[in-house]
Amino acid sequence: MSKTIQFNDFTKVDIRVGTIIEVNDFPEARNPAYKLTIDFGALGVKKSSAQITTLYKKEDLIDKQILAVVNFPKKQIGKFMSECLVLGAVNGKDVTLLNPELKVKNGSTVS
């Protein structure tokens, strides 16, 4: 188990719902990954890299809603700038994306 945090620590993390609108291969990544373009509604469109190639095909990701942390600093990954952190459950090398059970408005908060 990881270190215990206070509730105030959790409230600093801004997790939002977004819809994947574009998926591209990311051959420069150290581990197989996709470049994702995600629509977060009023927050705008953000890009992210995700190591989800073992369970997802590019065409299956279009219009899929996901959860992402949107208030981390941008991170340079090779020549690509990641603007958010897509959330998933890790099982070995497989990452299962976390997503709302029902369709919700892009940019909706998670609490």
PDB file of N, CA and C in Angstrom:
ATOM      1  N   MET A   1       0.851  -1.183   0.000  1.00  0.00           N
ATOM      2  CA  MET A   1       0.000   0.000   0.000  1.00  0.00           C
ATOM      3  C   MET A   1       0.887   1.233   0.000  1.00  0.00           C
ATOM      4  N   SER A   2       0.441   2.262  -0.688  1.00  0.00           N
ATOM      5  CA  SER A   2       1.237   3.482  -0.738  1.00  0.00           C
ATOM      6  C   SER A   2       1.012   4.352   0.487  1.00  0.00           C
ATOM      7  N   LYS A   3       1.791   5.404   0.558  1.00  0.00           N
ATOM      8  CA  LYS A   3       1.746   6.335   1.673  1.00  0.00           C
ATOM      9  C   LYS A   3       0.359   6.980   1.791  1.00  0.00           C
ATOM     10  N   THR A   4      -0.132   7.134   3.007  1.00  0.00           N
ATOM     11  CA  THR A   4      -1.415   7.776   3.264  1.00  0.00           C
ATOM     12  C   THR A   4      -1.303   9.274   2.996  1.00  0.00           C
ATOM     13  N   ILE A   5      -2.309   9.805   2.319  1.00  0.00           N
ATOM     14  CA  ILE A   5      -2.354  11.243   2.059  1.00  0.00           C
ATOM     15  C   ILE A   5      -3.577  11.832   2.755  1.00  0.00           C
ATOM     16  N   GLN A   6      -3.601  13.133   2.845  1.00  0.00           N
ATOM     17  CA  GLN A   6      -4.737  13.830   3.426  1.00  0.00           C
ATOM     18  C   GLN A   6      -5.761  14.122   2.324  1.00  0.00           C
ATOM     19  N   PHE A   7      -7.014  14.321   2.700  1.00  0.00           N
ATOM     20  CA  PHE A   7      -8.059  14.603   1.718  1.00  0.00           C
ATOM     21  C   PHE A   7      -7.718  15.849   0.913  1.00  0.00           C
ATOM     22  N   ASN A   8      -7.110  16.841   1.548  1.00  0.00           N
ATOM     23  CA  ASN A   8      -6.712  18.065   0.841  1.00  0.00           C
ATOM     24  C   ASN A   8      -5.730  17.775  -0.292  1.00  0.00           C
ATOM     25  N   ASP A   9      -4.874  16.747  -0.111  1.00  0.00           N
ATOM     26  CA  ASP A   9      -3.960  16.355  -1.181  1.00  0.00           C
ATOM     27  C   ASP A   9      -4.751  15.857  -2.387  1.00  0.00           C
ATOM     28  N   PHE A  10      -5.759  15.050  -2.141  1.00  0.00           N
ATOM     29  CA  PHE A  10      -6.576  14.504  -3.228  1.00  0.00           C
ATOM     30  C   PHE A  10      -7.319  15.612  -3.979  1.00  0.00           C
ATOM     31  N   THR A  11      -7.800  16.604  -3.256  1.00  0.00           N
ATOM     32  CA  THR A  11      -8.577  17.661  -3.909  1.00  0.00           C
ATOM     33  C   THR A  11      -7.729  18.516  -4.858  1.00  0.00           C
ATOM     34  N   LYS A  12      -6.414  18.421  -4.757  1.00  0.00           N
ATOM     35  CA  LYS A  12      -5.528  19.165  -5.657  1.00  0.00           C
ATOM     36  C   LYS A  12      -5.455  18.511  -7.042  1.00  0.00           C
ATOM     37  N   VAL A  13      -5.813  17.240  -7.135  1.00  0.00           N
ATOM     38  CA  VAL A  13      -5.735  16.511  -8.398  1.00  0.00           C
ATOM     39  C   VAL A  13      -7.015  16.767  -9.184  1.00  0.00           C
ATOM     40  N   ASP A  14      -6.875  17.328 -10.381  1.00  0.00           N
ATOM     41  CA  ASP A  14      -8.021  17.656 -11.220  1.00  0.00           C
ATOM     42  C   ASP A  14      -8.207  16.552 -12.263  1.00  0.00           C
ATOM     43  N   ILE A  15      -9.145  15.642 -11.991  1.00  0.00           N
ATOM     44  CA  ILE A  15      -9.438  14.532 -12.894  1.00  0.00           C
ATOM     45  C   ILE A  15     -10.700  14.884 -13.666  1.00  0.00           C
ATOM     46  N   ARG A  16     -10.614  14.797 -14.996  1.00  0.00           N
ATOM     47  CA  ARG A  16     -11.738  15.171 -15.851  1.00  0.00           C
ATOM     48  C   ARG A  16     -12.039  14.079 -16.866  1.00  0.00           C
ATOM     49  N   VAL A  17     -13.257  14.128 -17.374  1.00  0.00           N
ATOM     50  CA  VAL A  17     -13.689  13.233 -18.439  1.00  0.00           C
ATOM     51  C   VAL A  17     -13.409  13.911 -19.777  1.00  0.00           C
ATOM     52  N   GLY A  18     -12.851  13.155 -20.704  1.00  0.00           N
ATOM     53  CA  GLY A  18     -12.616  13.655 -22.050  1.00  0.00           C
ATOM     54  C   GLY A  18     -12.932  12.573 -23.067  1.00  0.00           C
ATOM     55  N   THR A  19     -13.101  13.001 -24.310  1.00  0.00           N
ATOM     56  CA  THR A  19     -13.366  12.065 -25.407  1.00  0.00           C
ATOM     57  C   THR A  19     -12.189  12.079 -26.366  1.00  0.00           C
ATOM     58  N   ILE A  20     -11.681  10.904 -26.677  1.00  0.00           N
ATOM     59  CA  ILE A  20     -10.571  10.774 -27.621  1.00  0.00           C
ATOM     60  C   ILE A  20     -11.084  11.102 -29.019  1.00  0.00           C
ATOM     61  N   ILE A  21     -10.440  12.068 -29.665  1.00  0.00           N
ATOM     62  CA  ILE A  21     -10.885  12.481 -30.998  1.00  0.00           C
ATOM     63  C   ILE A  21      -9.857  12.149 -32.091  1.00  0.00           C
ATOM     64  N   GLU A  22      -8.642  11.818 -31.689  1.00  0.00           N
ATOM     65  CA  GLU A  22      -7.622  11.448 -32.669  1.00  0.00           C
ATOM     66  C   GLU A  22      -6.608  10.512 -32.018  1.00  0.00           C
ATOM     67  N   VAL A  23      -6.163   9.515 -32.774  1.00  0.00           N
ATOM     68  CA  VAL A  23      -5.163   8.552 -32.285  1.00  0.00           C
ATOM     69  C   VAL A  23      -4.113   8.353 -33.369  1.00  0.00           C
ATOM     70  N   ASN A  24      -2.848   8.462 -32.975  1.00  0.00           N
ATOM     71  CA  ASN A  24      -1.748   8.244 -33.912  1.00  0.00           C
ATOM     72  C   ASN A  24      -0.703   7.342 -33.272  1.00  0.00           C
ATOM     73  N   ASP A  25       0.024   6.612 -34.110  1.00  0.00           N
ATOM     74  CA  ASP A  25       1.139   5.816 -33.618  1.00  0.00           C
ATOM     75  C   ASP A  25       2.212   6.746 -33.049  1.00  0.00           C
ATOM     76  N   PHE A  26       3.011   6.202 -32.136  1.00  0.00           N
ATOM     77  CA  PHE A  26       4.093   6.959 -31.522  1.00  0.00           C
ATOM     78  C   PHE A  26       5.369   6.110 -31.594  1.00  0.00           C
ATOM     79  N   PRO A  27       5.937   5.960 -32.793  1.00  0.00           N
ATOM     80  CA  PRO A  27       7.086   5.071 -32.968  1.00  0.00           C
ATOM     81  C   PRO A  27       8.340   5.519 -32.214  1.00  0.00           C
ATOM     82  N   GLU A  28       8.439   6.799 -31.857  1.00  0.00           N
ATOM     83  CA  GLU A  28       9.620   7.289 -31.138  1.00  0.00           C
ATOM     84  C   GLU A  28       9.596   6.943 -29.652  1.00  0.00           C
ATOM     85  N   ALA A  29       8.474   6.513 -29.135  1.00  0.00           N
ATOM     86  CA  ALA A  29       8.360   6.190 -27.703  1.00  0.00           C
ATOM     87  C   ALA A  29       9.217   4.971 -27.360  1.00  0.00           C
ATOM     88  N   ARG A  30       9.767   4.943 -26.154  1.00  0.00           N
ATOM     89  CA  ARG A  30      10.579   3.809 -25.708  1.00  0.00           C
ATOM     90  C   ARG A  30       9.762   2.528 -25.655  1.00  0.00           C
ATOM     91  N   ASN A  31       8.530   2.647 -25.164  1.00  0.00           N
ATOM     92  CA  ASN A  31       7.614   1.514 -25.100  1.00  0.00           C
ATOM     93  C   ASN A  31       6.463   1.791 -26.058  1.00  0.00           C
ATOM     94  N   PRO A  32       5.882   0.754 -26.646  1.00  0.00           N
ATOM     95  CA  PRO A  32       4.791   0.981 -27.606  1.00  0.00           C
ATOM     96  C   PRO A  32       3.695   1.868 -27.007  1.00  0.00           C
ATOM     97  N   ALA A  33       3.313   2.906 -27.761  1.00  0.00           N
ATOM     98  CA  ALA A  33       2.337   3.875 -27.259  1.00  0.00           C
ATOM     99  C   ALA A  33       1.603   4.527 -28.426  1.00  0.00           C
ATOM    100  N   TYR A  34       0.508   5.180 -28.071  1.00  0.00           N
ATOM    101  CA  TYR A  34      -0.230   6.010 -29.018  1.00  0.00           C
ATOM    102  C   TYR A  34      -0.136   7.461 -28.573  1.00  0.00           C
ATOM    103  N   LYS A  35      -0.249   8.367 -29.541  1.00  0.00           N
ATOM    104  CA  LYS A  35      -0.450   9.787 -29.258  1.00  0.00           C
ATOM    105  C   LYS A  35      -1.958  10.020 -29.330  1.00  0.00           C
ATOM    106  N   LEU A  36      -2.531  10.535 -28.258  1.00  0.00           N
ATOM    107  CA  LEU A  36      -3.970  10.774 -28.191  1.00  0.00           C
ATOM    108  C   LEU A  36      -4.257  12.269 -28.199  1.00  0.00           C
ATOM    109  N   THR A  37      -5.318  12.646 -28.887  1.00  0.00           N
ATOM    110  CA  THR A  37      -5.856  14.000 -28.816  1.00  0.00           C
ATOM    111  C   THR A  37      -7.222  13.869 -28.166  1.00  0.00           C
ATOM    112  N   ILE A  38      -7.431  14.609 -27.078  1.00  0.00           N
ATOM    113  CA  ILE A  38      -8.605  14.413 -26.229  1.00  0.00           C
ATOM    114  C   ILE A  38      -9.354  15.731 -26.063  1.00  0.00           C
ATOM    115  N   ASP A  39     -10.674  15.686 -26.256  1.00  0.00           N
ATOM    116  CA  ASP A  39     -11.548  16.852 -26.098  1.00  0.00           C
ATOM    117  C   ASP A  39     -12.081  16.887 -24.668  1.00  0.00           C
ATOM    118  N   PHE A  40     -11.729  17.937 -23.929  1.00  0.00           N
ATOM    119  CA  PHE A  40     -12.195  18.116 -22.558  1.00  0.00           C
ATOM    120  C   PHE A  40     -13.246  19.220 -22.455  1.00  0.00           C
ATOM    121  N   GLY A  41     -14.013  19.433 -23.500  1.00  0.00           N
ATOM    122  CA  GLY A  41     -15.083  20.426 -23.479  1.00  0.00           C
ATOM    123  C   GLY A  41     -14.545  21.823 -23.262  1.00  0.00           C
ATOM    124  N   ALA A  42     -15.070  22.513 -22.240  1.00  0.00           N
ATOM    125  CA  ALA A  42     -14.687  23.904 -21.964  1.00  0.00           C
ATOM    126  C   ALA A  42     -13.194  24.051 -21.637  1.00  0.00           C
ATOM    127  N   LEU A  43     -12.536  22.964 -21.197  1.00  0.00           N
ATOM    128  CA  LEU A  43     -11.094  23.012 -20.910  1.00  0.00           C
ATOM    129  C   LEU A  43     -10.262  22.974 -22.189  1.00  0.00           C
ATOM    130  N   GLY A  44     -10.888  22.632 -23.298  1.00  0.00           N
ATOM    131  CA  GLY A  44     -10.182  22.571 -24.567  1.00  0.00           C
ATOM    132  C   GLY A  44      -9.693  21.177 -24.915  1.00  0.00           C
ATOM    133  N   VAL A  45      -8.858  21.135 -25.921  1.00  0.00           N
ATOM    134  CA  VAL A  45      -8.301  19.881 -26.431  1.00  0.00           C
ATOM    135  C   VAL A  45      -6.874  19.744 -25.914  1.00  0.00           C
ATOM    136  N   LYS A  46      -6.556  18.553 -25.402  1.00  0.00           N
ATOM    137  CA  LYS A  46      -5.215  18.290 -24.875  1.00  0.00           C
ATOM    138  C   LYS A  46      -4.667  17.017 -25.515  1.00  0.00           C
ATOM    139  N   LYS A  47      -3.345  16.909 -25.512  1.00  0.00           N
ATOM    140  CA  LYS A  47      -2.672  15.743 -26.078  1.00  0.00           C
ATOM    141  C   LYS A  47      -2.024  14.933 -24.962  1.00  0.00           C
ATOM    142  N   SER A  48      -1.940  13.620 -25.195  1.00  0.00           N
ATOM    143  CA  SER A  48      -1.304  12.741 -24.223  1.00  0.00           C
ATOM    144  C   SER A  48      -0.718  11.542 -24.946  1.00  0.00           C
ATOM    145  N   SER A  49       0.264  10.942 -24.340  1.00  0.00           N
ATOM    146  CA  SER A  49       0.819   9.686 -24.804  1.00  0.00           C
ATOM    147  C   SER A  49       0.309   8.595 -23.866  1.00  0.00           C
ATOM    148  N   ALA A  50      -0.051   7.441 -24.436  1.00  0.00           N
ATOM    149  CA  ALA A  50      -0.570   6.366 -23.589  1.00  0.00           C
ATOM    150  C   ALA A  50      -0.058   5.014 -24.076  1.00  0.00           C
ATOM    151  N   GLN A  51       0.473   4.226 -23.152  1.00  0.00           N
ATOM    152  CA  GLN A  51       0.973   2.893 -23.463  1.00  0.00           C
ATOM    153  C   GLN A  51      -0.178   1.890 -23.370  1.00  0.00           C
ATOM    154  N   ILE A  52      -1.067   1.954 -24.334  1.00  0.00           N
ATOM    155  CA  ILE A  52      -2.288   1.142 -24.318  1.00  0.00           C
ATOM    156  C   ILE A  52      -2.424   0.287 -25.577  1.00  0.00           C
ATOM    157  N   THR A  53      -1.306   0.045 -26.250  1.00  0.00           N
ATOM    158  CA  THR A  53      -1.355  -0.637 -27.544  1.00  0.00           C
ATOM    159  C   THR A  53      -1.654  -2.130 -27.447  1.00  0.00           C
ATOM    160  N   THR A  54      -1.449  -2.746 -26.286  1.00  0.00           N
ATOM    161  CA  THR A  54      -1.681  -4.191 -26.189  1.00  0.00           C
ATOM    162  C   THR A  54      -3.162  -4.545 -26.133  1.00  0.00           C
ATOM    163  N   LEU A  55      -3.997  -3.639 -25.603  1.00  0.00           N
ATOM    164  CA  LEU A  55      -5.423  -3.941 -25.450  1.00  0.00           C
ATOM    165  C   LEU A  55      -6.330  -3.167 -26.404  1.00  0.00           C
ATOM    166  N   TYR A  56      -5.806  -2.089 -27.025  1.00  0.00           N
ATOM    167  CA  TYR A  56      -6.668  -1.218 -27.820  1.00  0.00           C
ATOM    168  C   TYR A  56      -6.108  -1.004 -29.215  1.00  0.00           C
ATOM    169  N   LYS A  57      -6.988  -1.058 -30.192  1.00  0.00           N
ATOM    170  CA  LYS A  57      -6.650  -0.679 -31.566  1.00  0.00           C
ATOM    171  C   LYS A  57      -7.013   0.789 -31.732  1.00  0.00           C
ATOM    172  N   LYS A  58      -6.284   1.467 -32.594  1.00  0.00           N
ATOM    173  CA  LYS A  58      -6.510   2.905 -32.788  1.00  0.00           C
ATOM    174  C   LYS A  58      -7.965   3.208 -33.122  1.00  0.00           C
ATOM    175  N   GLU A  59      -8.540   2.460 -34.036  1.00  0.00           N
ATOM    176  CA  GLU A  59      -9.906   2.740 -34.475  1.00  0.00           C
ATOM    177  C   GLU A  59     -10.942   2.525 -33.362  1.00  0.00           C
ATOM    178  N   ASP A  60     -10.619   1.682 -32.381  1.00  0.00           N
ATOM    179  CA  ASP A  60     -11.554   1.439 -31.268  1.00  0.00           C
ATOM    180  C   ASP A  60     -11.521   2.554 -30.225  1.00  0.00           C
ATOM    181  N   LEU A  61     -10.494   3.393 -30.276  1.00  0.00           N
ATOM    182  CA  LEU A  61     -10.352   4.459 -29.279  1.00  0.00           C
ATOM    183  C   LEU A  61     -11.083   5.746 -29.658  1.00  0.00           C
ATOM    184  N   ILE A  62     -11.350   5.944 -30.942  1.00  0.00           N
ATOM    185  CA  ILE A  62     -12.029   7.163 -31.384  1.00  0.00           C
ATOM    186  C   ILE A  62     -13.418   7.230 -30.742  1.00  0.00           C
ATOM    187  N   ASP A  63     -13.749   8.373 -30.168  1.00  0.00           N
ATOM    188  CA  ASP A  63     -15.020   8.649 -29.486  1.00  0.00           C
ATOM    189  C   ASP A  63     -15.159   7.944 -28.139  1.00  0.00           C
ATOM    190  N   LYS A  64     -14.086   7.337 -27.636  1.00  0.00           N
ATOM    191  CA  LYS A  64     -14.120   6.691 -26.315  1.00  0.00           C
ATOM    192  C   LYS A  64     -13.878   7.755 -25.242  1.00  0.00           C
ATOM    193  N   GLN A  65     -14.721   7.759 -24.227  1.00  0.00           N
ATOM    194  CA  GLN A  65     -14.503   8.665 -23.102  1.00  0.00           C
ATOM    195  C   GLN A  65     -13.511   8.033 -22.134  1.00  0.00           C
ATOM    196  N   ILE A  66     -12.641   8.875 -21.588  1.00  0.00           N
ATOM    197  CA  ILE A  66     -11.602   8.425 -20.655  1.00  0.00           C
ATOM    198  C   ILE A  66     -11.520   9.405 -19.484  1.00  0.00           C
ATOM    199  N   LEU A  67     -10.751   9.032 -18.477  1.00  0.00           N
ATOM    200  CA  LEU A  67     -10.451   9.908 -17.348  1.00  0.00           C
ATOM    201  C   LEU A  67      -8.987  10.306 -17.439  1.00  0.00           C
ATOM    202  N   ALA A  68      -8.702  11.567 -17.114  1.00  0.00           N
ATOM    203  CA  ALA A  68      -7.322  12.036 -17.155  1.00  0.00           C
ATOM    204  C   ALA A  68      -7.092  13.124 -16.112  1.00  0.00           C
ATOM    205  N   VAL A  69      -5.866  13.174 -15.617  1.00  0.00           N
ATOM    206  CA  VAL A  69      -5.440  14.272 -14.751  1.00  0.00           C
ATOM    207  C   VAL A  69      -5.027  15.403 -15.678  1.00  0.00           C
ATOM    208  N   VAL A  70      -5.653  16.567 -15.497  1.00  0.00           N
ATOM    209  CA  VAL A  70      -5.414  17.681 -16.420  1.00  0.00           C
ATOM    210  C   VAL A  70      -4.594  18.817 -15.812  1.00  0.00           C
ATOM    211  N   ASN A  71      -4.197  18.679 -14.539  1.00  0.00           N
ATOM    212  CA  ASN A  71      -3.450  19.788 -13.931  1.00  0.00           C
ATOM    213  C   ASN A  71      -2.014  19.416 -13.537  1.00  0.00           C
ATOM    214  N   PHE A  72      -1.459  18.386 -14.154  1.00  0.00           N
ATOM    215  CA  PHE A  72      -0.031  18.130 -14.022  1.00  0.00           C
ATOM    216  C   PHE A  72       0.708  19.048 -14.989  1.00  0.00           C
ATOM    217  N   PRO A  73       1.976  19.348 -14.727  1.00  0.00           N
ATOM    218  CA  PRO A  73       2.732  20.124 -15.707  1.00  0.00           C
ATOM    219  C   PRO A  73       2.912  19.312 -16.994  1.00  0.00           C
ATOM    220  N   LYS A  74       3.076  19.990 -18.113  1.00  0.00           N
ATOM    221  CA  LYS A  74       3.330  19.319 -19.381  1.00  0.00           C
ATOM    222  C   LYS A  74       4.620  18.509 -19.261  1.00  0.00           C
ATOM    223  N   LYS A  75       4.677  17.397 -20.020  1.00  0.00           N
ATOM    224  CA  LYS A  75       5.854  16.539 -19.965  1.00  0.00           C
ATOM    225  C   LYS A  75       6.326  16.244 -21.389  1.00  0.00           C
ATOM    226  N   GLN A  76       7.597  16.503 -21.633  1.00  0.00           N
ATOM    227  CA  GLN A  76       8.193  16.231 -22.936  1.00  0.00           C
ATOM    228  C   GLN A  76       8.523  14.751 -23.027  1.00  0.00           C
ATOM    229  N   ILE A  77       7.992  14.087 -24.054  1.00  0.00           N
ATOM    230  CA  ILE A  77       8.286  12.678 -24.305  1.00  0.00           C
ATOM    231  C   ILE A  77       8.826  12.600 -25.731  1.00  0.00           C
ATOM    232  N   GLY A  78      10.140  12.544 -25.859  1.00  0.00           N
ATOM    233  CA  GLY A  78      10.752  12.631 -27.181  1.00  0.00           C
ATOM    234  C   GLY A  78      10.448  13.995 -27.770  1.00  0.00           C
ATOM    235  N   LYS A  79       9.897  14.006 -28.983  1.00  0.00           N
ATOM    236  CA  LYS A  79       9.530  15.270 -29.632  1.00  0.00           C
ATOM    237  C   LYS A  79       8.080  15.639 -29.351  1.00  0.00           C
ATOM    238  N   PHE A  80       7.421  14.878 -28.503  1.00  0.00           N
ATOM    239  CA  PHE A  80       5.994  15.056 -28.226  1.00  0.00           C
ATOM    240  C   PHE A  80       5.795  15.673 -26.845  1.00  0.00           C
ATOM    241  N   MET A  81       4.866  16.645 -26.749  1.00  0.00           N
ATOM    242  CA  MET A  81       4.557  17.277 -25.463  1.00  0.00           C
ATOM    243  C   MET A  81       3.233  16.733 -24.952  1.00  0.00           C
ATOM    244  N   SER A  82       3.287  15.992 -23.843  1.00  0.00           N
ATOM    245  CA  SER A  82       2.086  15.446 -23.221  1.00  0.00           C
ATOM    246  C   SER A  82       1.499  16.493 -22.279  1.00  0.00           C
ATOM    247  N   GLU A  83       0.186  16.750 -22.405  1.00  0.00           N
ATOM    248  CA  GLU A  83      -0.463  17.814 -21.642  1.00  0.00           C
ATOM    249  C   GLU A  83      -1.387  17.310 -20.540  1.00  0.00           C
ATOM    250  N   CYS A  84      -1.592  15.999 -20.475  1.00  0.00           N
ATOM    251  CA  CYS A  84      -2.433  15.428 -19.421  1.00  0.00           C
ATOM    252  C   CYS A  84      -2.025  13.973 -19.220  1.00  0.00           C
ATOM    253  N   LEU A  85      -2.484  13.367 -18.138  1.00  0.00           N
ATOM    254  CA  LEU A  85      -2.158  11.980 -17.822  1.00  0.00           C
ATOM    255  C   LEU A  85      -3.431  11.148 -17.881  1.00  0.00           C
ATOM    256  N   VAL A  86      -3.526  10.303 -18.899  1.00  0.00           N
ATOM    257  CA  VAL A  86      -4.673   9.412 -19.046  1.00  0.00           C
ATOM    258  C   VAL A  86      -4.565   8.320 -17.982  1.00  0.00           C
ATOM    259  N   LEU A  87      -5.688   8.019 -17.322  1.00  0.00           N
ATOM    260  CA  LEU A  87      -5.681   7.060 -16.221  1.00  0.00           C
ATOM    261  C   LEU A  87      -6.089   5.666 -16.676  1.00  0.00           C
ATOM    262  N   GLY A  88      -5.391   4.670 -16.140  1.00  0.00           N
ATOM    263  CA  GLY A  88      -5.704   3.288 -16.459  1.00  0.00           C
ATOM    264  C   GLY A  88      -5.250   2.366 -15.348  1.00  0.00           C
ATOM    265  N   ALA A  89      -5.830   1.173 -15.336  1.00  0.00           N
ATOM    266  CA  ALA A  89      -5.435   0.136 -14.388  1.00  0.00           C
ATOM    267  C   ALA A  89      -4.350  -0.707 -15.046  1.00  0.00           C
ATOM    268  N   VAL A  90      -3.230  -0.903 -14.344  1.00  0.00           N
ATOM    269  CA  VAL A  90      -2.079  -1.607 -14.902  1.00  0.00           C
ATOM    270  C   VAL A  90      -2.073  -3.054 -14.429  1.00  0.00           C
ATOM    271  N   ASN A  91      -1.950  -3.966 -15.410  1.00  0.00           N
ATOM    272  CA  ASN A  91      -1.858  -5.394 -15.128  1.00  0.00           C
ATOM    273  C   ASN A  91      -0.712  -5.940 -15.970  1.00  0.00           C
ATOM    274  N   GLY A  92       0.495  -5.942 -15.388  1.00  0.00           N
ATOM    275  CA  GLY A  92       1.673  -6.329 -16.156  1.00  0.00           C
ATOM    276  C   GLY A  92       1.961  -5.270 -17.204  1.00  0.00           C
ATOM    277  N   LYS A  93       1.947  -5.666 -18.500  1.00  0.00           N
ATOM    278  CA  LYS A  93       2.172  -4.701 -19.588  1.00  0.00           C
ATOM    279  C   LYS A  93       0.864  -4.179 -20.150  1.00  0.00           C
ATOM    280  N   ASP A  94      -0.251  -4.703 -19.689  1.00  0.00           N
ATOM    281  CA  ASP A  94      -1.562  -4.274 -20.170  1.00  0.00           C
ATOM    282  C   ASP A  94      -2.103  -3.135 -19.318  1.00  0.00           C
ATOM    283  N   VAL A  95      -2.630  -2.106 -19.994  1.00  0.00           N
ATOM    284  CA  VAL A  95      -3.255  -0.977 -19.311  1.00  0.00           C
ATOM    285  C   VAL A  95      -4.697  -0.889 -19.790  1.00  0.00           C
ATOM    286  N   THR A  96      -5.633  -0.989 -18.836  1.00  0.00           N
ATOM    287  CA  THR A  96      -7.057  -0.858 -19.137  1.00  0.00           C
ATOM    288  C   THR A  96      -7.479   0.558 -18.786  1.00  0.00           C
ATOM    289  N   LEU A  97      -7.985   1.276 -19.772  1.00  0.00           N
ATOM    290  CA  LEU A  97      -8.393   2.664 -19.549  1.00  0.00           C
ATOM    291  C   LEU A  97      -9.547   2.754 -18.559  1.00  0.00           C
ATOM    292  N   LEU A  98      -9.514   3.789 -17.726  1.00  0.00           N
ATOM    293  CA  LEU A  98     -10.624   4.074 -16.826  1.00  0.00           C
ATOM    294  C   LEU A  98     -11.575   5.015 -17.551  1.00  0.00           C
ATOM    295  N   ASN A  99     -12.864   4.726 -17.454  1.00  0.00           N
ATOM    296  CA  ASN A  99     -13.838   5.557 -18.148  1.00  0.00           C
ATOM    297  C   ASN A  99     -15.176   5.514 -17.427  1.00  0.00           C
ATOM    298  N   PRO A 100     -16.011   6.555 -17.650  1.00  0.00           N
ATOM    299  CA  PRO A 100     -17.329   6.561 -17.020  1.00  0.00           C
ATOM    300  C   PRO A 100     -18.200   5.452 -17.622  1.00  0.00           C
ATOM    301  N   GLU A 101     -19.055   4.903 -16.802  1.00  0.00           N
ATOM    302  CA  GLU A 101     -19.957   3.837 -17.251  1.00  0.00           C
ATOM    303  C   GLU A 101     -20.973   4.354 -18.265  1.00  0.00           C
ATOM    304  N   LEU A 102     -21.435   5.581 -18.058  1.00  0.00           N
ATOM    305  CA  LEU A 102     -22.384   6.219 -18.963  1.00  0.00           C
ATOM    306  C   LEU A 102     -21.727   7.444 -19.582  1.00  0.00           C
ATOM    307  N   LYS A 103     -22.188   7.837 -20.773  1.00  0.00           N
ATOM    308  CA  LYS A 103     -21.640   9.020 -21.437  1.00  0.00           C
ATOM    309  C   LYS A 103     -21.987  10.269 -20.619  1.00  0.00           C
ATOM    310  N   VAL A 104     -20.976  11.104 -20.397  1.00  0.00           N
ATOM    311  CA  VAL A 104     -21.168  12.358 -19.665  1.00  0.00           C
ATOM    312  C   VAL A 104     -20.561  13.504 -20.469  1.00  0.00           C
ATOM    313  N   LYS A 105     -20.802  14.700 -20.033  1.00  0.00           N
ATOM    314  CA  LYS A 105     -20.288  15.891 -20.709  1.00  0.00           C
ATOM    315  C   LYS A 105     -18.763  15.942 -20.600  1.00  0.00           C
ATOM    316  N   ASN A 106     -18.104  16.223 -21.713  1.00  0.00           N
ATOM    317  CA  ASN A 106     -16.641  16.388 -21.686  1.00  0.00           C
ATOM    318  C   ASN A 106     -16.260  17.507 -20.731  1.00  0.00           C
ATOM    319  N   GLY A 107     -15.239  17.274 -19.932  1.00  0.00           N
ATOM    320  CA  GLY A 107     -14.792  18.254 -18.941  1.00  0.00           C
ATOM    321  C   GLY A 107     -15.404  18.023 -17.572  1.00  0.00           C
ATOM    322  N   SER A 108     -16.341  17.067 -17.472  1.00  0.00           N
ATOM    323  CA  SER A 108     -16.945  16.770 -16.162  1.00  0.00           C
ATOM    324  C   SER A 108     -15.853  16.382 -15.157  1.00  0.00           C
ATOM    325  N   THR A 109     -16.025  16.824 -13.918  1.00  0.00           N
ATOM    326  CA  THR A 109     -15.043  16.528 -12.877  1.00  0.00           C
ATOM    327  C   THR A 109     -15.306  15.152 -12.278  1.00  0.00           C
ATOM    328  N   VAL A 110     -14.260  14.580 -11.700  1.00  0.00           N
ATOM    329  CA  VAL A 110     -14.339  13.312 -10.998  1.00  0.00           C
ATOM    330  C   VAL A 110     -14.049  13.592  -9.541  1.00  0.00           C
ATOM    331  N   SER A 111     -14.926  13.088  -8.668  1.00  0.00           N
ATOM    332  CA  SER A 111     -14.695  13.311  -7.229  1.00  0.00           C
ATOM    333  C   SER A 111     -14.959  12.053  -6.467  1.00  0.00           C
TER     334      SER A 111
END
